[in-house]
Structure formats: C-alpha cells, structure tokens
Amino acid sequence: MFSLLNRKAVKKHILNRCETHRPGWNCQRVSKQALDEIDGFIRDKINQSIHRHPTKGKTFMHFE
C-alpha cells in the first residue's frame, strides 16, 4: 500500500508546529509510526466521505 502523504512536508509541518506551540520542547524527529497513523487517519476520513457521498453527479465533494 502506498502512502497518501508527502512525508517530508508532513514532518516539516509537525516540527514547525512543535517549535511554535511548544517552545520548551526541542522536538527534532517524527517517528514512522506517527506518520503511518496520520496516513491511516486520512484514509479513514476519505473512506467515510465516500460512504456518505450522495450517488448523483460526477464530482466528488466533501460533505459533513
């Protein structure tokens, strides 16, 4: 199974957010497990959106 993430960009985003929002914490790495869990979360959200999507039209749109 391939990743839906741009892992390099996600790592950079996480490290930037840690630096900004947790200045006392010197986080320098993001684990493979964390990236795998984020990828799984995105897959689940996509699958939920597809399941709830109305069966009409030709364009996939996100519905709450």
PDB file of N, CA and C in Angstrom:
ATOM      1  N   MET A   1       0.856  -1.176   0.000  1.00  0.00           N
ATOM      2  CA  MET A   1       0.000   0.000   0.000  1.00  0.00           C
ATOM      3  C   MET A   1       0.903   1.240   0.000  1.00  0.00           C
ATOM      4  N   PHE A   2       0.563   2.197  -0.795  1.00  0.00           N
ATOM      5  CA  PHE A   2       1.347   3.422  -0.901  1.00  0.00           C
ATOM      6  C   PHE A   2       0.818   4.478   0.064  1.00  0.00           C
ATOM      7  N   SER A   3       1.688   5.394   0.417  1.00  0.00           N
ATOM      8  CA  SER A   3       1.318   6.463   1.341  1.00  0.00           C
ATOM      9  C   SER A   3       0.583   7.578   0.595  1.00  0.00           C
ATOM     10  N   LEU A   4      -0.415   8.145   1.248  1.00  0.00           N
ATOM     11  CA  LEU A   4      -1.119   9.297   0.691  1.00  0.00           C
ATOM     12  C   LEU A   4      -0.445  10.602   1.093  1.00  0.00           C
ATOM     13  N   LEU A   5       0.565  10.486   1.949  1.00  0.00           N
ATOM     14  CA  LEU A   5       1.215  11.678   2.476  1.00  0.00           C
ATOM     15  C   LEU A   5       2.474  12.040   1.705  1.00  0.00           C
ATOM     16  N   ASN A   6       2.741  13.330   1.660  1.00  0.00           N
ATOM     17  CA  ASN A   6       4.068  13.810   1.323  1.00  0.00           C
ATOM     18  C   ASN A   6       4.780  13.838   2.682  1.00  0.00           C
ATOM     19  N   ARG A   7       5.450  12.746   3.000  1.00  0.00           N
ATOM     20  CA  ARG A   7       6.001  12.564   4.337  1.00  0.00           C
ATOM     21  C   ARG A   7       6.987  13.655   4.727  1.00  0.00           C
ATOM     22  N   LYS A   8       7.779  14.105   3.785  1.00  0.00           N
ATOM     23  CA  LYS A   8       8.743  15.162   4.089  1.00  0.00           C
ATOM     24  C   LYS A   8       8.024  16.447   4.497  1.00  0.00           C
ATOM     25  N   ALA A   9       6.962  16.788   3.778  1.00  0.00           N
ATOM     26  CA  ALA A   9       6.202  18.007   4.091  1.00  0.00           C
ATOM     27  C   ALA A   9       5.472  17.874   5.427  1.00  0.00           C
ATOM     28  N   VAL A  10       4.927  16.684   5.712  1.00  0.00           N
ATOM     29  CA  VAL A  10       4.215  16.470   6.977  1.00  0.00           C
ATOM     30  C   VAL A  10       5.193  16.554   8.145  1.00  0.00           C
ATOM     31  N   LYS A  11       6.373  15.934   8.013  1.00  0.00           N
ATOM     32  CA  LYS A  11       7.389  16.026   9.070  1.00  0.00           C
ATOM     33  C   LYS A  11       7.752  17.485   9.335  1.00  0.00           C
ATOM     34  N   LYS A  12       8.004  18.218   8.263  1.00  0.00           N
ATOM     35  CA  LYS A  12       8.380  19.628   8.397  1.00  0.00           C
ATOM     36  C   LYS A  12       7.277  20.415   9.097  1.00  0.00           C
ATOM     37  N   HIS A  13       6.033  20.161   8.722  1.00  0.00           N
ATOM     38  CA  HIS A  13       4.904  20.859   9.345  1.00  0.00           C
ATOM     39  C   HIS A  13       4.819  20.538  10.840  1.00  0.00           C
ATOM     40  N   ILE A  14       4.942  19.269  11.186  1.00  0.00           N
ATOM     41  CA  ILE A  14       4.877  18.868  12.594  1.00  0.00           C
ATOM     42  C   ILE A  14       5.995  19.534  13.385  1.00  0.00           C
ATOM     43  N   LEU A  15       7.217  19.488  12.877  1.00  0.00           N
ATOM     44  CA  LEU A  15       8.346  20.078  13.599  1.00  0.00           C
ATOM     45  C   LEU A  15       8.201  21.590  13.731  1.00  0.00           C
ATOM     46  N   ASN A  16       7.694  22.253  12.688  1.00  0.00           N
ATOM     47  CA  ASN A  16       7.458  23.703  12.760  1.00  0.00           C
ATOM     48  C   ASN A  16       6.392  24.036  13.797  1.00  0.00           C
ATOM     49  N   ARG A  17       5.313  23.252  13.824  1.00  0.00           N
ATOM     50  CA  ARG A  17       4.238  23.486  14.802  1.00  0.00           C
ATOM     51  C   ARG A  17       4.731  23.234  16.220  1.00  0.00           C
ATOM     52  N   CYS A  18       5.548  22.202  16.414  1.00  0.00           N
ATOM     53  CA  CYS A  18       6.111  21.930  17.740  1.00  0.00           C
ATOM     54  C   CYS A  18       6.966  23.106  18.195  1.00  0.00           C
ATOM     55  N   GLU A  19       7.785  23.631  17.297  1.00  0.00           N
ATOM     56  CA  GLU A  19       8.655  24.756  17.636  1.00  0.00           C
ATOM     57  C   GLU A  19       7.838  25.986  18.010  1.00  0.00           C
ATOM     58  N   THR A  20       6.749  26.234  17.290  1.00  0.00           N
ATOM     59  CA  THR A  20       5.918  27.409  17.512  1.00  0.00           C
ATOM     60  C   THR A  20       5.062  27.278  18.770  1.00  0.00           C
ATOM     61  N   HIS A  21       4.441  26.109  18.953  1.00  0.00           N
ATOM     62  CA  HIS A  21       3.457  25.948  20.014  1.00  0.00           C
ATOM     63  C   HIS A  21       3.984  25.269  21.273  1.00  0.00           C
ATOM     64  N   ARG A  22       5.168  24.696  21.205  1.00  0.00           N
ATOM     65  CA  ARG A  22       5.776  24.052  22.389  1.00  0.00           C
ATOM     66  C   ARG A  22       7.235  24.483  22.485  1.00  0.00           C
ATOM     67  N   PRO A  23       7.494  25.778  22.707  1.00  0.00           N
ATOM     68  CA  PRO A  23       8.864  26.299  22.655  1.00  0.00           C
ATOM     69  C   PRO A  23       9.828  25.666  23.663  1.00  0.00           C
ATOM     70  N   GLY A  24       9.346  25.112  24.734  1.00  0.00           N
ATOM     71  CA  GLY A  24      10.216  24.473  25.713  1.00  0.00           C
ATOM     72  C   GLY A  24      10.622  23.062  25.340  1.00  0.00           C
ATOM     73  N   TRP A  25      10.050  22.535  24.282  1.00  0.00           N
ATOM     74  CA  TRP A  25      10.295  21.154  23.864  1.00  0.00           C
ATOM     75  C   TRP A  25      11.120  21.165  22.587  1.00  0.00           C
ATOM     76  N   ASN A  26      12.264  20.540  22.605  1.00  0.00           N
ATOM     77  CA  ASN A  26      13.155  20.528  21.452  1.00  0.00           C
ATOM     78  C   ASN A  26      12.927  19.260  20.624  1.00  0.00           C
ATOM     79  N   CYS A  27      11.788  19.180  19.958  1.00  0.00           N
ATOM     80  CA  CYS A  27      11.442  18.020  19.123  1.00  0.00           C
ATOM     81  C   CYS A  27      12.227  18.111  17.821  1.00  0.00           C
ATOM     82  N   GLN A  28      12.917  17.017  17.462  1.00  0.00           N
ATOM     83  CA  GLN A  28      13.755  17.038  16.269  1.00  0.00           C
ATOM     84  C   GLN A  28      13.413  15.947  15.259  1.00  0.00           C
ATOM     85  N   ARG A  29      12.585  14.987  15.645  1.00  0.00           N
ATOM     86  CA  ARG A  29      12.270  13.873  14.745  1.00  0.00           C
ATOM     87  C   ARG A  29      10.786  13.542  14.822  1.00  0.00           C
ATOM     88  N   VAL A  30      10.290  12.911  13.770  1.00  0.00           N
ATOM     89  CA  VAL A  30       8.911  12.406  13.726  1.00  0.00           C
ATOM     90  C   VAL A  30       9.016  10.923  13.390  1.00  0.00           C
ATOM     91  N   SER A  31       8.390  10.084  14.198  1.00  0.00           N
ATOM     92  CA  SER A  31       8.515   8.639  14.006  1.00  0.00           C
ATOM     93  C   SER A  31       7.721   8.151  12.800  1.00  0.00           C
ATOM     94  N   LYS A  32       8.155   7.020  12.271  1.00  0.00           N
ATOM     95  CA  LYS A  32       7.430   6.366  11.177  1.00  0.00           C
ATOM     96  C   LYS A  32       6.021   6.003  11.635  1.00  0.00           C
ATOM     97  N   GLN A  33       5.900   5.557  12.889  1.00  0.00           N
ATOM     98  CA  GLN A  33       4.596   5.182  13.430  1.00  0.00           C
ATOM     99  C   GLN A  33       3.646   6.375  13.424  1.00  0.00           C
ATOM    100  N   ALA A  34       4.133   7.557  13.804  1.00  0.00           N
ATOM    101  CA  ALA A  34       3.284   8.754  13.798  1.00  0.00           C
ATOM    102  C   ALA A  34       2.810   9.065  12.381  1.00  0.00           C
ATOM    103  N   LEU A  35       3.711   8.981  11.411  1.00  0.00           N
ATOM    104  CA  LEU A  35       3.336   9.247  10.017  1.00  0.00           C
ATOM    105  C   LEU A  35       2.360   8.193   9.493  1.00  0.00           C
ATOM    106  N   ASP A  36       2.580   6.933   9.868  1.00  0.00           N
ATOM    107  CA  ASP A  36       1.661   5.853   9.463  1.00  0.00           C
ATOM    108  C   ASP A  36       0.261   6.081  10.052  1.00  0.00           C
ATOM    109  N   GLU A  37       0.195   6.528  11.312  1.00  0.00           N
ATOM    110  CA  GLU A  37      -1.108   6.787  11.944  1.00  0.00           C
ATOM    111  C   GLU A  37      -1.826   7.959  11.271  1.00  0.00           C
ATOM    112  N   ILE A  38      -1.089   8.998  10.912  1.00  0.00           N
ATOM    113  CA  ILE A  38      -1.684  10.143  10.216  1.00  0.00           C
ATOM    114  C   ILE A  38      -2.187   9.704   8.843  1.00  0.00           C
ATOM    115  N   ASP A  39      -1.403   8.894   8.146  1.00  0.00           N
ATOM    116  CA  ASP A  39      -1.819   8.373   6.839  1.00  0.00           C
ATOM    117  C   ASP A  39      -3.098   7.535   6.984  1.00  0.00           C
ATOM    118  N   GLY A  40      -3.160   6.693   8.014  1.00  0.00           N
ATOM    119  CA  GLY A  40      -4.363   5.882   8.258  1.00  0.00           C
ATOM    120  C   GLY A  40      -5.574   6.744   8.562  1.00  0.00           C
ATOM    121  N   PHE A  41      -5.374   7.808   9.340  1.00  0.00           N
ATOM    122  CA  PHE A  41      -6.463   8.733   9.657  1.00  0.00           C
ATOM    123  C   PHE A  41      -7.006   9.371   8.378  1.00  0.00           C
ATOM    124  N   ILE A  42      -6.115   9.784   7.499  1.00  0.00           N
ATOM    125  CA  ILE A  42      -6.549  10.398   6.233  1.00  0.00           C
ATOM    126  C   ILE A  42      -7.319   9.381   5.392  1.00  0.00           C
ATOM    127  N   ARG A  43      -6.828   8.150   5.318  1.00  0.00           N
ATOM    128  CA  ARG A  43      -7.530   7.102   4.563  1.00  0.00           C
ATOM    129  C   ARG A  43      -8.939   6.875   5.120  1.00  0.00           C
ATOM    130  N   ASP A  44      -9.052   6.822   6.453  1.00  0.00           N
ATOM    131  CA  ASP A  44     -10.360   6.624   7.086  1.00  0.00           C
ATOM    132  C   ASP A  44     -11.311   7.773   6.756  1.00  0.00           C
ATOM    133  N   LYS A  45     -10.817   9.014   6.825  1.00  0.00           N
ATOM    134  CA  LYS A  45     -11.663  10.181   6.524  1.00  0.00           C
ATOM    135  C   LYS A  45     -12.133  10.147   5.067  1.00  0.00           C
ATOM    136  N   ILE A  46     -11.258   9.763   4.152  1.00  0.00           N
ATOM    137  CA  ILE A  46     -11.643   9.654   2.743  1.00  0.00           C
ATOM    138  C   ILE A  46     -12.709   8.582   2.576  1.00  0.00           C
ATOM    139  N   ASN A  47     -12.493   7.419   3.203  1.00  0.00           N
ATOM    140  CA  ASN A  47     -13.470   6.329   3.089  1.00  0.00           C
ATOM    141  C   ASN A  47     -14.823   6.725   3.670  1.00  0.00           C
ATOM    142  N   GLN A  48     -14.820   7.443   4.804  1.00  0.00           N
ATOM    143  CA  GLN A  48     -16.078   7.915   5.395  1.00  0.00           C
ATOM    144  C   GLN A  48     -16.781   8.904   4.456  1.00  0.00           C
ATOM    145  N   SER A  49     -16.023   9.785   3.852  1.00  0.00           N
ATOM    146  CA  SER A  49     -16.603  10.761   2.932  1.00  0.00           C
ATOM    147  C   SER A  49     -17.209  10.075   1.711  1.00  0.00           C
ATOM    148  N   ILE A  50     -16.524   9.068   1.194  1.00  0.00           N
ATOM    149  CA  ILE A  50     -17.036   8.331   0.035  1.00  0.00           C
ATOM    150  C   ILE A  50     -18.327   7.611   0.414  1.00  0.00           C
ATOM    151  N   HIS A  51     -18.354   7.006   1.594  1.00  0.00           N
ATOM    152  CA  HIS A  51     -19.535   6.272   2.045  1.00  0.00           C
ATOM    153  C   HIS A  51     -20.754   7.189   2.186  1.00  0.00           C
ATOM    154  N   ARG A  52     -20.541   8.413   2.682  1.00  0.00           N
ATOM    155  CA  ARG A  52     -21.641   9.360   2.904  1.00  0.00           C
ATOM    156  C   ARG A  52     -22.013  10.160   1.656  1.00  0.00           C
ATOM    157  N   HIS A  53     -21.191  10.080   0.637  1.00  0.00           N
ATOM    158  CA  HIS A  53     -21.401  10.914  -0.548  1.00  0.00           C
ATOM    159  C   HIS A  53     -22.685  10.505  -1.276  1.00  0.00           C
ATOM    160  N   PRO A  54     -23.497  11.485  -1.693  1.00  0.00           N
ATOM    161  CA  PRO A  54     -24.704  11.148  -2.445  1.00  0.00           C
ATOM    162  C   PRO A  54     -24.355  10.530  -3.798  1.00  0.00           C
ATOM    163  N   THR A  55     -25.229   9.633  -4.254  1.00  0.00           N
ATOM    164  CA  THR A  55     -24.998   8.964  -5.528  1.00  0.00           C
ATOM    165  C   THR A  55     -25.623   9.776  -6.653  1.00  0.00           C
ATOM    166  N   LYS A  56     -25.055  10.922  -6.895  1.00  0.00           N
ATOM    167  CA  LYS A  56     -25.501  11.758  -8.004  1.00  0.00           C
ATOM    168  C   LYS A  56     -24.349  12.657  -8.411  1.00  0.00           C
ATOM    169  N   GLY A  57     -24.389  13.106  -9.626  1.00  0.00           N
ATOM    170  CA  GLY A  57     -23.331  13.968 -10.133  1.00  0.00           C
ATOM    171  C   GLY A  57     -22.073  13.189 -10.456  1.00  0.00           C
ATOM    172  N   LYS A  58     -21.066  13.884 -10.967  1.00  0.00           N
ATOM    173  CA  LYS A  58     -19.817  13.247 -11.371  1.00  0.00           C
ATOM    174  C   LYS A  58     -18.612  13.796 -10.616  1.00  0.00           C
ATOM    175  N   THR A  59     -18.852  14.668  -9.654  1.00  0.00           N
ATOM    176  CA  THR A  59     -17.754  15.285  -8.921  1.00  0.00           C
ATOM    177  C   THR A  59     -17.821  14.880  -7.462  1.00  0.00           C
ATOM    178  N   PHE A  60     -16.684  14.414  -6.950  1.00  0.00           N
ATOM    179  CA  PHE A  60     -16.598  14.081  -5.527  1.00  0.00           C
ATOM    180  C   PHE A  60     -16.422  15.374  -4.751  1.00  0.00           C
ATOM    181  N   MET A  61     -17.276  15.562  -3.766  1.00  0.00           N
ATOM    182  CA  MET A  61     -17.203  16.743  -2.900  1.00  0.00           C
ATOM    183  C   MET A  61     -17.260  16.258  -1.473  1.00  0.00           C
ATOM    184  N   HIS A  62     -16.625  16.982  -0.580  1.00  0.00           N
ATOM    185  CA  HIS A  62     -16.655  16.616   0.830  1.00  0.00           C
ATOM    186  C   HIS A  62     -17.951  17.098   1.457  1.00  0.00           C
ATOM    187  N   PHE A  63     -18.644  16.194   2.128  1.00  0.00           N
ATOM    188  CA  PHE A  63     -19.883  16.522   2.830  1.00  0.00           C
ATOM    189  C   PHE A  63     -19.706  16.173   4.290  1.00  0.00           C
ATOM    190  N   GLU A  64     -20.188  17.019   5.190  1.00  0.00           N
ATOM    191  CA  GLU A  64     -20.127  16.750   6.625  1.00  0.00           C
ATOM    192  C   GLU A  64     -21.302  15.881   7.008  1.00  0.00           C
TER     193      GLU A  64
END
